[in-house]
């Protein structure tokens, strides 16, 4: 059997629910996938091939390494310190609360686009939004990340009044399990300049400093013309088996895979976060009580405390606080 590429192995591991979050970030940082993201989601790299784009990526993409907030340590700095706060048990990439834990960018990378004249330096952040109801508009968080990517350049990219050196930034978000009305859509948020009075001469490069891209994924079985939607719909699908994913990556996107794939699909595929979420929805169709009880059990297995579980099922199933507490505090005998 031929040796598998890094991406082929990552696709297998990404189907394991317990490792889902971490592996999705690794997939987004894989150079072949990242090249397709840059080609389809940025203006600067649109004219180039994925192979050409890979050569433009500077260094190794950072995965959950750079802190979002200015008063927090990056991951490599935090590892050097002795933890004196017993209520904090390590870092997490999800933004629960600034006071609870450090928030990191999922993936952050520097790239240099060839451009028509002088090369264009870019800072790109790629995020996977796996929670369908985070409790806030994704657009506002994406804009905040863009602003932080700009302000954090002070002291590294520019100093004092060297504002002309500020690099353009992108924050690109892939949202799984999107509502039907948003599925298979891509939204761009950017700065735009307009004249309030008189004729104004302007240069786009002076104001086009940030873009937030919100990519809402859909069903991998439904055809879609857009390349990045097709790629990510398949890659993060809980319905497509590992062999099918690898075949599509190779045949449609020319991403190197092995010609001989394992005949047996890993059981890890059944433990993916996507199937976990969809299983909850199927449970509702079969019986609301069983569906909610099953969701509570899964959330508890994932290590969530009662208060977090109550909030999650209140949001997911539109329950009152009293109703949610009944499911979470349900006697063990009634769960069978």
Protein backbone atom coordinates (compact mmCIF):
# COMPACT_ATOMS: atom_id res chain seq x y z
CA UNK A 1 0.00 0.00 0.00
CA UNK A 2 1.28 3.45 -0.89
CA UNK A 3 2.23 5.87 1.85
CA UNK A 4 -0.55 8.35 2.59
CA UNK A 5 -0.08 12.09 2.31
CA UNK A 6 -0.51 14.33 5.34
CA UNK A 7 -3.92 15.49 4.10
CA UNK A 8 -5.16 11.91 3.57
CA UNK A 9 -4.27 11.04 7.16
CA UNK A 10 -5.80 14.25 8.51
CA UNK A 11 -9.11 13.51 6.77
CA UNK A 12 -9.30 10.19 8.60
CA UNK A 13 -8.53 11.63 12.01
CA UNK A 14 -10.92 14.58 11.48
CA UNK A 15 -13.81 12.13 11.55
CA UNK A 16 -13.15 11.32 15.19
CA UNK A 17 -15.47 13.46 17.29
CA UNK A 18 -13.06 13.66 20.21
CA UNK A 19 -10.38 15.15 17.95
CA UNK A 20 -12.69 16.98 15.59
CA UNK A 21 -11.95 20.57 16.56
CA UNK A 22 -8.18 20.14 16.55
CA UNK A 23 -8.11 18.19 13.32
CA UNK A 24 -10.36 20.66 11.49
CA UNK A 25 -7.85 23.39 12.31
CA UNK A 26 -5.03 21.21 11.01
CA UNK A 27 -6.98 20.60 7.82
CA UNK A 28 -7.50 24.34 7.33
CA UNK A 29 -3.76 24.86 7.79
CA UNK A 30 -2.81 22.10 5.36
CA UNK A 31 -0.99 23.88 2.53
CA UNK A 32 -3.13 22.42 -0.24
CA UNK A 33 -6.42 23.33 1.49
CA UNK A 34 -5.08 26.73 2.57
CA UNK A 35 -4.02 27.45 -1.01
CA UNK A 36 -7.57 26.80 -2.24
CA UNK A 37 -8.95 29.03 0.53
CA UNK A 38 -6.64 31.88 -0.49
CA UNK A 39 -7.44 31.42 -4.18
CA UNK A 40 -11.21 31.51 -3.68
CA UNK A 41 -11.58 33.91 -0.75
CA UNK A 42 -9.00 36.62 -1.43
CA UNK A 43 -8.79 39.06 -4.31
CA UNK A 44 -5.01 39.08 -4.39
CA UNK A 45 -4.57 35.34 -4.96
CA UNK A 46 -7.59 34.77 -7.26
CA UNK A 47 -5.52 34.80 -10.52
CA UNK A 48 -3.02 32.18 -9.34
CA UNK A 49 -3.02 28.39 -9.18
CA UNK A 50 -2.92 26.56 -5.82
CA UNK A 51 0.65 25.42 -6.56
CA UNK A 52 1.72 29.01 -7.19
CA UNK A 53 -0.03 30.16 -4.01
CA UNK A 54 1.70 27.55 -1.84
CA UNK A 55 5.03 29.19 -2.74
CA UNK A 56 3.67 32.53 -1.49
CA UNK A 57 2.84 31.30 2.03
CA UNK A 58 5.51 32.53 4.42
CA UNK A 59 6.69 30.08 7.05
CA UNK A 60 4.48 27.56 8.80
CA UNK A 61 0.81 28.43 9.50
CA UNK A 62 0.17 29.01 13.21
CA UNK A 63 -2.55 26.77 14.66
CA UNK A 64 -4.04 28.03 17.95
CA UNK A 65 -0.78 29.82 18.74
CA UNK A 66 -1.47 33.56 18.53
CA UNK A 67 -3.71 35.13 21.18
CA UNK A 68 -6.53 37.32 19.89
CA UNK A 69 -6.61 39.76 22.81
CA UNK A 70 -3.67 42.08 23.40
CA UNK A 71 -3.51 41.43 27.16
CA UNK A 72 -3.16 37.67 26.74
CA UNK A 73 -0.07 35.56 26.10
CA UNK A 74 0.57 33.62 22.91
CA UNK A 75 0.63 29.85 23.33
CA UNK A 76 4.43 29.54 23.25
CA UNK A 77 4.77 32.27 25.91
CA UNK A 78 2.09 30.75 28.13
CA UNK A 79 3.89 27.41 28.16
CA UNK A 80 6.88 29.05 29.85
CA UNK A 81 4.82 30.14 32.86
CA UNK A 82 3.73 28.15 35.90
CA UNK A 83 -0.03 28.14 36.18
CA UNK A 84 -0.99 29.67 39.52
CA UNK A 85 -4.75 29.74 38.91
CA UNK A 86 -6.23 26.32 39.60
CA UNK A 87 -9.57 27.26 38.09
CA UNK A 88 -8.01 27.38 34.63
CA UNK A 89 -7.14 24.02 33.10
CA UNK A 90 -5.15 24.92 30.02
CA UNK A 91 -6.09 26.79 26.89
CA UNK A 92 -9.00 26.29 24.55
CA UNK A 93 -9.69 27.70 21.10
CA UNK A 94 -13.39 28.42 21.67
CA UNK A 95 -14.36 31.90 22.83
CA UNK A 96 -16.39 31.15 25.98
CA UNK A 97 -15.19 34.10 28.04
CA UNK A 98 -12.14 36.31 27.96
CA UNK A 99 -11.78 35.98 31.73
CA UNK A 100 -12.04 32.20 31.66
CA UNK A 101 -9.30 31.43 29.16
CA UNK A 102 -7.09 32.79 26.44
CA UNK A 103 -8.65 32.98 22.98
CA UNK A 104 -6.46 31.96 20.05
CA UNK A 105 -6.84 32.35 16.32
CA UNK A 106 -7.60 28.94 14.79
CA UNK A 107 -5.12 29.48 11.95
CA UNK A 108 -2.99 32.55 11.24
CA UNK A 109 -0.60 32.85 8.32
CA UNK A 110 1.43 35.49 6.48
CA UNK A 111 1.42 35.48 2.69
CA UNK A 112 2.97 37.61 -0.02
CA UNK A 113 0.87 38.02 -3.16
CA UNK A 114 2.87 38.83 -6.34
CA UNK A 115 0.65 41.80 -7.37
CA UNK A 116 1.11 43.93 -10.51
CA UNK A 117 4.07 45.83 -9.14
CA UNK A 118 5.45 45.47 -5.63
CA UNK A 119 4.45 42.26 -3.75
CA UNK A 120 1.45 42.63 -1.43
CA UNK A 121 1.96 41.52 2.17
CA UNK A 122 -1.13 39.97 3.74
CA UNK A 123 -2.07 38.53 7.13
CA UNK A 124 -4.76 35.86 6.92
CA UNK A 125 -6.80 34.33 9.72
CA UNK A 126 -8.95 31.24 9.04
CA UNK A 127 -11.59 30.11 11.53
CA UNK A 128 -13.92 27.11 11.79
CA UNK A 129 -17.21 28.00 13.47
CA UNK A 130 -18.66 24.66 14.54
CA UNK A 131 -21.25 25.96 17.02
CA UNK A 132 -24.51 26.70 15.20
CA UNK A 133 -25.77 29.02 17.98
CA UNK A 134 -22.78 30.86 19.53
CA UNK A 135 -25.01 33.57 20.99
CA UNK A 136 -23.57 36.49 18.97
CA UNK A 137 -23.35 37.57 15.30
CA UNK A 138 -20.40 35.87 13.61
CA UNK A 139 -19.99 38.98 11.46
CA UNK A 140 -19.14 41.14 14.50
CA UNK A 141 -16.61 38.64 15.80
CA UNK A 142 -14.98 38.41 12.36
CA UNK A 143 -14.71 42.21 12.17
CA UNK A 144 -13.21 42.28 15.67
CA UNK A 145 -10.60 39.70 14.63
CA UNK A 146 -9.71 41.85 11.61
CA UNK A 147 -9.25 44.89 13.84
CA UNK A 148 -7.05 42.93 16.21
CA UNK A 149 -4.95 41.63 13.31
CA UNK A 150 -4.36 45.23 12.28
CA UNK A 151 -3.69 46.72 15.72
CA UNK A 152 -1.33 43.86 16.65
CA UNK A 153 0.98 44.88 13.81
CA UNK A 154 2.21 47.79 15.91
CA UNK A 155 5.69 47.04 17.16
CA UNK A 156 6.35 44.35 14.57
CA UNK A 157 5.24 45.52 11.12
CA UNK A 158 5.32 49.24 11.96
CA UNK A 159 6.37 51.56 14.77
CA UNK A 160 5.37 55.05 15.88
CA UNK A 161 3.77 56.88 12.91
CA UNK A 162 4.70 54.39 10.16
CA UNK A 163 1.04 53.70 9.38
CA UNK A 164 1.80 53.36 5.68
CA UNK A 165 3.34 49.96 6.43
CA UNK A 166 0.11 48.45 7.79
CA UNK A 167 -0.70 45.19 6.00
CA UNK A 168 -4.11 44.18 4.76
CA UNK A 169 -5.79 41.43 6.79
CA UNK A 170 -8.40 38.77 6.11
CA UNK A 171 -10.52 36.85 8.61
CA UNK A 172 -12.18 33.91 6.82
CA UNK A 173 -14.86 31.93 8.67
CA UNK A 174 -16.25 28.53 7.68
CA UNK A 175 -19.59 27.92 9.39
CA UNK A 176 -20.84 24.33 9.45
CA UNK A 177 -24.46 23.25 9.97
CA UNK A 178 -25.70 26.64 8.77
CA UNK A 179 -29.43 27.38 8.66
CA UNK A 180 -31.03 26.48 5.32
CA UNK A 181 -31.53 30.12 4.34
CA UNK A 182 -27.77 30.75 4.79
CA UNK A 183 -26.43 27.43 3.49
CA UNK A 184 -24.07 27.62 0.51
CA UNK A 185 -23.57 31.38 0.76
CA UNK A 186 -20.48 33.55 1.03
CA UNK A 187 -20.62 37.02 2.57
CA UNK A 188 -17.86 39.63 2.24
CA UNK A 189 -17.47 42.53 4.67
CA UNK A 190 -14.95 45.21 3.77
CA UNK A 191 -14.01 48.85 4.19
CA UNK A 192 -15.37 51.15 1.49
CA UNK A 193 -14.52 54.78 0.78
CA UNK A 194 -17.06 57.32 -0.49
CA UNK A 195 -17.16 61.06 -1.02
CA UNK A 196 -19.47 63.10 1.20
CA UNK A 197 -18.65 66.32 -0.69
CA UNK A 198 -16.50 67.31 -3.65
CA UNK A 199 -14.25 65.33 -5.97
CA UNK A 200 -11.81 63.21 -4.03
CA UNK A 201 -8.79 61.42 -5.39
CA UNK A 202 -8.16 58.20 -3.52
CA UNK A 203 -6.10 55.02 -3.66
CA UNK A 204 -7.79 51.74 -2.83
CA UNK A 205 -4.60 50.45 -1.20
CA UNK A 206 -4.84 53.17 1.47
CA UNK A 207 -8.24 52.07 2.76
CA UNK A 208 -8.70 48.46 1.64
CA UNK A 209 -7.12 47.10 4.80
CA UNK A 210 -9.54 44.45 6.03
CA UNK A 211 -11.98 41.90 4.71
CA UNK A 212 -14.09 39.46 6.68
CA UNK A 213 -15.40 36.48 4.70
CA UNK A 214 -18.26 34.38 6.10
CA UNK A 215 -18.63 31.04 4.29
CA UNK A 216 -21.81 29.19 5.32
CA UNK A 217 -21.54 25.56 4.29
CA UNK A 218 -24.30 23.31 3.03
CA UNK A 219 -25.07 19.67 2.26
CA UNK A 220 -22.24 17.90 0.42
CA UNK A 221 -24.81 15.92 -1.58
CA UNK A 222 -26.34 19.07 -3.09
CA UNK A 223 -24.45 20.34 -6.17
CA UNK A 224 -22.91 23.80 -5.93
CA UNK A 225 -20.92 25.69 -8.56
CA UNK A 226 -18.63 27.54 -6.16
CA UNK A 227 -15.29 25.77 -5.71
CA UNK A 228 -14.58 26.57 -2.07
CA UNK A 229 -18.11 25.64 -1.03
CA UNK A 230 -17.79 22.31 -2.85
CA UNK A 231 -14.38 21.65 -1.30
CA UNK A 232 -15.35 22.49 2.28
CA UNK A 233 -18.82 20.92 2.07
CA UNK A 234 -17.14 17.61 1.23
CA UNK A 235 -14.16 17.97 3.55
CA UNK A 236 -16.25 18.73 6.66
CA UNK A 237 -19.22 16.55 5.77
CA UNK A 238 -20.39 13.94 8.26
CA UNK A 239 -22.20 12.04 5.49
CA UNK A 240 -19.32 11.42 3.12
CA UNK A 241 -17.07 8.49 4.02
CA UNK A 242 -13.32 8.82 4.13
CA UNK A 243 -12.74 7.08 0.81
CA UNK A 244 -15.20 9.37 -1.00
CA UNK A 245 -13.62 12.49 0.50
CA UNK A 246 -10.15 11.45 -0.59
CA UNK A 247 -11.36 10.61 -4.09
CA UNK A 248 -13.05 14.01 -4.52
CA UNK A 249 -9.99 15.85 -3.19
CA UNK A 250 -7.82 14.11 -5.74
CA UNK A 251 -10.09 14.04 -8.80
CA UNK A 252 -11.81 17.43 -8.50
CA UNK A 253 -9.16 19.53 -6.78
CA UNK A 254 -5.98 17.70 -7.82
CA UNK A 255 -4.83 17.33 -4.23
CA UNK A 256 -2.43 14.39 -3.96
CA UNK A 257 -3.88 11.29 -2.33
CA UNK A 258 -2.95 7.61 -2.46
CA UNK A 259 -4.33 5.48 -5.30
CA UNK A 260 -4.88 2.57 -2.96
CA UNK A 261 -7.12 3.53 -0.06
CA UNK A 262 -8.07 1.30 2.83
CA UNK A 263 -11.16 -0.81 2.03
CA UNK A 264 -12.66 -0.48 5.45
CA UNK A 265 -13.90 2.95 6.52
CA UNK A 266 -12.66 3.87 9.97
CA UNK A 267 -15.19 3.75 12.79
CA UNK A 268 -13.92 7.18 13.73
CA UNK A 269 -16.14 8.54 10.94
CA UNK A 270 -19.21 7.73 13.03
CA UNK A 271 -17.86 9.79 15.90
CA UNK A 272 -17.44 13.02 13.97
CA UNK A 273 -18.93 16.18 15.41
CA UNK A 274 -21.15 16.55 12.37
CA UNK A 275 -22.82 13.19 12.95
CA UNK A 276 -23.07 14.03 16.64
CA UNK A 277 -25.02 17.22 15.85
CA UNK A 278 -27.16 15.62 13.16
CA UNK A 279 -27.92 12.69 15.46
CA UNK A 280 -29.45 15.13 17.91
CA UNK A 281 -31.70 16.53 15.16
CA UNK A 282 -32.77 13.03 14.10
CA UNK A 283 -33.56 12.32 17.73
CA UNK A 284 -36.04 15.19 17.72
CA UNK A 285 -37.84 13.72 14.73
CA UNK A 286 -38.10 10.34 16.47
CA UNK A 287 -39.22 11.81 19.73
CA UNK A 288 -38.42 15.14 21.38
CA UNK A 289 -37.79 13.69 24.82
CA UNK A 290 -35.40 11.01 23.58
CA UNK A 291 -33.62 13.55 21.42
CA UNK A 292 -33.04 16.00 24.26
CA UNK A 293 -32.03 13.26 26.70
CA UNK A 294 -29.58 11.93 24.14
CA UNK A 295 -28.15 15.41 23.63
CA UNK A 296 -27.68 15.84 27.38
CA UNK A 297 -25.85 12.52 27.61
CA UNK A 298 -23.53 13.40 24.71
CA UNK A 299 -22.75 16.83 26.13
CA UNK A 300 -22.04 15.26 29.52
CA UNK A 301 -19.72 12.71 27.91
CA UNK A 302 -17.86 15.62 26.33
CA UNK A 303 -17.16 16.98 29.82
CA UNK A 304 -19.65 19.88 29.95
CA UNK A 305 -21.01 20.83 33.37
CA UNK A 306 -24.73 21.04 34.15
CA UNK A 307 -24.96 24.82 33.75
CA UNK A 308 -23.36 24.69 30.30
CA UNK A 309 -25.62 21.81 29.24
CA UNK A 310 -28.70 23.71 30.40
CA UNK A 311 -27.72 26.76 28.34
CA UNK A 312 -26.97 24.62 25.27
CA UNK A 313 -30.28 22.73 25.25
CA UNK A 314 -32.23 25.90 26.03
CA UNK A 315 -30.73 27.46 22.91
CA UNK A 316 -30.97 24.34 20.74
CA UNK A 317 -34.52 23.29 21.65
CA UNK A 318 -35.98 26.68 22.70
CA UNK A 319 -36.70 25.44 26.23
CA UNK A 320 -37.48 27.45 29.32
CA UNK A 321 -35.01 27.33 32.19
CA UNK A 322 -37.32 25.10 34.24
CA UNK A 323 -37.85 22.66 31.36
CA UNK A 324 -34.12 22.47 30.63
CA UNK A 325 -33.30 21.76 34.27
CA UNK A 326 -35.72 18.83 34.26
CA UNK A 327 -33.83 17.14 31.43
CA UNK A 328 -30.40 17.78 32.94
CA UNK A 329 -31.42 16.69 36.45
CA UNK A 330 -33.46 13.74 35.16
CA UNK A 331 -33.04 10.64 37.37
CA UNK A 332 -30.80 7.97 35.83
CA UNK A 333 -33.67 5.41 35.88
CA UNK A 334 -35.78 7.53 33.51
CA UNK A 335 -33.04 7.82 30.88
CA UNK A 336 -33.10 4.22 29.79
